[in-house]
Amino acid sequence: MRRREFITLLGGAAVAWPLAAHTQQPPMPVIGFLNGTSADAFAHARNGFIQGLKESSHIVGQNVAIEYRWAEGQYDRLPALAADLLRRQVAVLVVNNAAAPAAMAVTATIPIVFASGADPVKSGLVVSLNRPSSNVTGVYFLIDALPTKNLHLLHELVPQASMVALLVNPNNAVAVGTELPSVQAAARALGLDLVVVKAAAERDIDAAFANVVQVRAGALIVASDSFIFGHRQQIISLAARHSIPTVYPWRDAP
């Protein structure tokens, strides 16, 4: 190649490179979706989230991507899953209440958006509802008072039940630390005996119901928890099989 032709070719390439770089699409932002339950159990909420993104002009696969991580009810997996999403360089983390502490432990800069049924101030997620501060904010569903209200409701509907059972996930710090004491206090005020049954794995649910039947509890309250929610059909079936009046924290449970 002649020297003049080489210089001409090089000059043309030098002009083309900036133009090519200018026309490249920016990297698609990635949403990290971290949840304590399973994809199947949380499908309705996940679909609602995608629809909400669409309504705000964020189309999955077109201008935004989602990386899902599901703990399948094994909360001890959440820290590793959160760290994995961080390595994926997500733009934001969307978490449920069970997954929020794990997300907060891995980043103080990436925005974290939670959906929580428990008081986020008492749970330590934010310092204030008005001014969350830090990189954490979200939606509070105000359902942490439901177990106490459900106890009163059960007492009205099944007044002959002098003993009531409460099903909780012992790995859910919020349920054990805040909901359980309030239900215990309400049971004492109503003159009821409260037996606490626990389930953190699928096999525990059968054992919990065997305990409820053995102590002859007249009714059952199900505490809010993502693992328990994921196994709600099993719980519903067992409650029906044993004819135990049961109240749930979710509208779509029965």
Protein backbone atom coordinates (compact mmCIF):
# COMPACT_ATOMS: atom_id res chain seq x y z
CA MET A 1 0.00 0.00 0.00
CA ARG A 2 1.30 3.45 -0.89
CA ARG A 3 2.05 5.94 1.85
CA ARG A 4 -0.63 8.40 0.66
CA GLU A 5 -3.30 5.65 0.50
CA PHE A 6 -2.37 4.46 4.01
CA ILE A 7 -2.65 7.98 5.45
CA THR A 8 -6.01 8.47 3.72
CA LEU A 9 -7.30 5.14 5.08
CA LEU A 10 -6.06 5.91 8.59
CA GLY A 11 -7.66 9.34 8.52
CA GLY A 12 -10.97 7.87 7.44
CA ALA A 13 -10.84 5.33 10.24
CA ALA A 14 -10.04 8.03 12.76
CA VAL A 15 -13.19 9.86 11.71
CA ALA A 16 -15.29 6.69 11.70
CA TRP A 17 -14.26 5.54 15.22
CA PRO A 18 -15.84 8.47 17.09
CA LEU A 19 -18.97 8.17 14.97
CA ALA A 20 -19.23 4.46 15.74
CA ALA A 21 -18.70 5.11 19.42
CA HIS A 22 -21.34 7.83 19.34
CA THR A 23 -23.93 5.51 17.78
CA GLN A 24 -23.37 2.68 20.28
CA GLN A 25 -26.27 2.09 22.60
CA PRO A 26 -25.63 2.80 26.30
CA PRO A 27 -25.60 -0.31 28.52
CA MET A 28 -29.07 -1.37 29.60
CA PRO A 29 -29.66 -0.69 33.32
CA VAL A 30 -30.18 -3.83 35.37
CA ILE A 31 -32.61 -4.17 38.28
CA GLY A 32 -31.57 -6.67 40.92
CA PHE A 33 -34.64 -8.48 42.29
CA LEU A 34 -33.87 -10.27 45.56
CA ASN A 35 -36.59 -12.22 47.33
CA GLY A 36 -36.79 -14.72 50.15
CA THR A 37 -39.40 -16.92 48.52
CA SER A 38 -39.62 -18.68 45.13
CA ALA A 39 -40.43 -17.46 41.64
CA ASP A 40 -43.65 -19.49 41.52
CA ALA A 41 -44.87 -18.33 44.90
CA PHE A 42 -44.18 -14.69 44.08
CA ALA A 43 -45.35 -14.80 40.45
CA HIS A 44 -48.35 -12.50 40.92
CA ALA A 45 -46.29 -9.78 42.59
CA ARG A 46 -43.46 -10.17 40.08
CA ASN A 47 -45.90 -9.76 37.20
CA GLY A 48 -47.36 -6.69 38.88
CA PHE A 49 -43.87 -5.24 39.23
CA ILE A 50 -43.16 -5.77 35.53
CA GLN A 51 -46.48 -4.18 34.64
CA GLY A 52 -45.68 -1.20 36.85
CA LEU A 53 -42.35 -0.78 35.08
CA LYS A 54 -44.14 -0.91 31.73
CA GLU A 55 -46.58 1.79 32.81
CA SER A 56 -43.61 4.02 33.60
CA SER A 57 -42.08 3.33 30.14
CA HIS A 58 -39.53 0.79 31.39
CA ILE A 59 -39.90 -2.25 29.13
CA VAL A 60 -38.08 -5.37 30.25
CA GLY A 61 -35.77 -6.51 27.48
CA GLN A 62 -35.93 -3.19 25.64
CA ASN A 63 -34.64 -0.48 27.95
CA VAL A 64 -34.25 -2.30 31.25
CA ALA A 65 -33.23 -5.78 32.41
CA ILE A 66 -34.02 -7.72 35.59
CA GLU A 67 -31.77 -10.19 37.37
CA TYR A 68 -33.78 -12.40 39.73
CA ARG A 69 -32.41 -14.15 42.79
CA TRP A 70 -34.74 -16.36 44.86
CA ALA A 71 -33.82 -17.79 48.26
CA GLU A 72 -36.57 -20.44 48.06
CA GLY A 73 -37.40 -19.89 51.72
CA GLN A 74 -33.79 -20.48 52.80
CA TYR A 75 -32.99 -17.11 54.32
CA ASP A 76 -29.37 -18.05 55.00
CA ARG A 77 -28.80 -17.92 51.22
CA LEU A 78 -29.77 -14.25 50.99
CA PRO A 79 -26.34 -12.71 51.79
CA ALA A 80 -24.65 -14.70 49.02
CA LEU A 81 -27.43 -13.89 46.57
CA ALA A 82 -27.20 -10.19 47.41
CA ALA A 83 -23.43 -10.24 46.87
CA ASP A 84 -23.95 -11.99 43.54
CA LEU A 85 -26.29 -9.23 42.38
CA LEU A 86 -23.76 -6.63 43.45
CA ARG A 87 -21.16 -8.27 41.20
CA ARG A 88 -23.70 -8.02 38.38
CA GLN A 89 -23.43 -4.22 38.79
CA VAL A 90 -27.15 -3.65 39.18
CA ALA A 91 -28.49 -0.11 39.15
CA VAL A 92 -31.01 -0.73 41.94
CA LEU A 93 -31.99 -3.55 44.30
CA VAL A 94 -35.66 -4.44 44.77
CA VAL A 95 -36.18 -6.58 47.87
CA ASN A 96 -38.85 -7.93 50.18
CA ASN A 97 -38.65 -7.56 53.94
CA ALA A 98 -36.72 -10.81 54.46
CA ALA A 99 -34.11 -9.86 51.87
CA ALA A 100 -33.65 -6.22 52.88
CA PRO A 101 -31.00 -6.76 55.62
CA ALA A 102 -28.85 -8.84 53.25
CA ALA A 103 -29.03 -6.12 50.61
CA MET A 104 -28.16 -3.41 53.12
CA ALA A 105 -25.15 -5.42 54.28
CA VAL A 106 -23.55 -5.49 50.82
CA THR A 107 -24.01 -1.88 49.70
CA ALA A 108 -24.46 1.59 51.13
CA THR A 109 -24.57 3.30 47.74
CA ILE A 110 -26.77 1.33 45.35
CA PRO A 111 -30.44 2.32 45.85
CA ILE A 112 -32.47 -0.33 47.71
CA VAL A 113 -36.25 -0.35 47.37
CA PHE A 114 -38.14 -2.63 49.77
CA ALA A 115 -41.71 -3.84 50.08
CA SER A 116 -42.42 -4.59 53.72
CA GLY A 117 -45.40 -5.54 55.78
CA ALA A 118 -43.47 -4.85 58.98
CA ASP A 119 -42.67 -1.42 60.35
CA PRO A 120 -39.42 -0.49 58.53
CA VAL A 121 -38.35 1.78 61.39
CA LYS A 122 -38.70 -0.96 64.01
CA SER A 123 -37.07 -3.39 61.60
CA GLY A 124 -34.07 -1.11 61.24
CA LEU A 125 -34.50 -0.55 57.51
CA VAL A 126 -34.95 3.22 57.80
CA VAL A 127 -34.59 5.79 60.55
CA SER A 128 -37.82 7.59 59.70
CA LEU A 129 -40.88 7.11 57.50
CA ASN A 130 -40.76 10.75 56.40
CA ARG A 131 -37.01 10.82 55.75
CA PRO A 132 -35.67 7.31 55.21
CA SER A 133 -32.08 8.60 54.71
CA SER A 134 -29.18 6.50 53.36
CA ASN A 135 -29.79 4.46 50.19
CA VAL A 136 -32.89 2.64 51.42
CA THR A 137 -36.54 3.46 50.81
CA GLY A 138 -39.68 1.53 49.96
CA VAL A 139 -43.31 0.70 50.61
CA TYR A 140 -44.77 -0.16 54.01
CA PHE A 141 -48.00 -2.19 53.81
CA LEU A 142 -48.96 -1.71 57.46
CA ILE A 143 -49.80 -5.38 57.97
CA ASP A 144 -47.59 -6.08 60.98
CA ALA A 145 -50.55 -5.30 63.25
CA LEU A 146 -52.72 -7.86 61.45
CA PRO A 147 -51.91 -10.88 63.63
CA THR A 148 -53.20 -9.03 66.71
CA LYS A 149 -56.31 -7.85 64.88
CA ASN A 150 -56.81 -11.34 63.47
CA LEU A 151 -56.68 -12.75 67.00
CA HIS A 152 -59.51 -10.45 68.02
CA LEU A 153 -61.43 -11.43 64.88
CA LEU A 154 -60.97 -15.14 65.56
CA HIS A 155 -62.11 -14.65 69.15
CA GLU A 156 -65.34 -13.11 67.87
CA LEU A 157 -65.88 -15.75 65.20
CA VAL A 158 -64.85 -18.75 67.31
CA PRO A 159 -65.61 -17.68 70.91
CA GLN A 160 -65.45 -21.28 72.15
CA ALA A 161 -61.77 -21.54 71.21
CA SER A 162 -59.90 -20.99 74.45
CA MET A 163 -56.59 -21.89 72.83
CA VAL A 164 -55.32 -20.33 69.60
CA ALA A 165 -52.20 -21.29 67.65
CA LEU A 166 -49.88 -18.88 65.86
CA LEU A 167 -47.80 -20.15 62.93
CA VAL A 168 -44.52 -18.24 62.48
CA ASN A 169 -41.21 -18.67 60.69
CA PRO A 170 -38.55 -18.68 63.44
CA ASN A 171 -36.00 -17.33 60.94
CA ASN A 172 -38.08 -14.21 60.37
CA ALA A 173 -36.65 -11.76 62.89
CA VAL A 174 -39.52 -9.30 62.40
CA ALA A 175 -42.24 -11.87 63.03
CA VAL A 176 -40.50 -13.23 66.10
CA GLY A 177 -39.31 -9.91 67.46
CA THR A 178 -42.36 -7.69 66.94
CA GLU A 179 -45.45 -9.61 65.84
CA LEU A 180 -45.14 -12.47 68.31
CA PRO A 181 -44.92 -10.30 71.47
CA SER A 182 -47.92 -8.22 70.39
CA VAL A 183 -50.05 -11.31 69.76
CA GLN A 184 -48.99 -12.82 73.08
CA ALA A 185 -49.99 -9.63 74.89
CA ALA A 186 -53.36 -9.56 73.09
CA ALA A 187 -54.00 -13.22 73.96
CA ARG A 188 -53.36 -12.53 77.65
CA ALA A 189 -55.73 -9.56 77.54
CA LEU A 190 -58.45 -11.76 76.03
CA GLY A 191 -57.82 -14.58 78.49
CA LEU A 192 -56.71 -16.95 75.75
CA ASP A 193 -53.96 -19.53 75.70
CA LEU A 194 -51.59 -19.02 72.78
CA VAL A 195 -49.43 -21.82 71.43
CA VAL A 196 -46.69 -20.87 68.98
CA VAL A 197 -45.90 -23.35 66.21
CA LYS A 198 -42.93 -22.80 63.92
CA ALA A 199 -42.09 -23.64 60.32
CA ALA A 200 -38.90 -22.76 58.45
CA ALA A 201 -38.93 -25.69 56.01
CA GLU A 202 -41.64 -27.56 54.14
CA ARG A 203 -41.46 -30.57 56.47
CA ASP A 204 -41.99 -28.25 59.45
CA ILE A 205 -45.48 -27.32 58.26
CA ASP A 206 -46.83 -30.84 58.70
CA ALA A 207 -45.20 -31.03 62.13
CA ALA A 208 -46.67 -27.64 63.08
CA PHE A 209 -50.19 -28.81 62.23
CA ALA A 210 -49.65 -32.07 64.10
CA ASN A 211 -48.79 -29.93 67.12
CA VAL A 212 -51.88 -27.76 66.64
CA VAL A 213 -54.06 -30.87 66.52
CA GLN A 214 -52.33 -32.47 69.50
CA VAL A 215 -52.89 -29.48 71.80
CA ARG A 216 -56.44 -29.12 70.43
CA ALA A 217 -56.10 -25.49 69.46
CA GLY A 218 -59.48 -24.15 68.40
CA ALA A 219 -58.17 -21.75 65.75
CA LEU A 220 -55.01 -20.75 63.92
CA ILE A 221 -53.39 -17.45 62.98
CA VAL A 222 -50.84 -17.44 60.16
CA ALA A 223 -48.12 -14.80 60.50
CA SER A 224 -46.85 -12.85 57.52
CA ASP A 225 -43.69 -14.33 56.02
CA SER A 226 -42.42 -14.93 52.48
CA PHE A 227 -41.59 -18.60 53.12
CA ILE A 228 -44.99 -19.25 54.65
CA PHE A 229 -46.63 -17.36 51.80
CA GLY A 230 -44.84 -19.60 49.32
CA HIS A 231 -46.37 -22.66 51.02
CA ARG A 232 -49.80 -21.20 51.56
CA GLN A 233 -51.56 -23.91 49.53
CA GLN A 234 -50.09 -26.61 51.77
CA ILE A 235 -51.22 -24.68 54.85
CA ILE A 236 -54.70 -24.12 53.43
CA SER A 237 -55.07 -27.82 52.66
CA LEU A 238 -53.94 -28.88 56.12
CA ALA A 239 -56.24 -26.38 57.82
CA ALA A 240 -59.17 -27.69 55.77
CA ARG A 241 -58.24 -31.34 56.42
CA HIS A 242 -58.16 -30.80 60.17
CA SER A 243 -61.17 -28.42 60.16
CA ILE A 244 -59.20 -25.66 61.93
CA PRO A 245 -60.61 -22.14 61.57
CA THR A 246 -57.67 -20.18 60.16
CA VAL A 247 -57.04 -16.55 59.39
CA TYR A 248 -54.35 -15.44 56.93
CA PRO A 249 -52.49 -12.15 56.39
CA TRP A 250 -53.07 -12.23 52.60
CA ARG A 251 -56.23 -11.69 50.62
CA ASP A 252 -55.32 -14.36 48.06
CA ALA A 253 -54.56 -17.10 50.60
CA PRO A 254 -57.89 -18.97 50.82
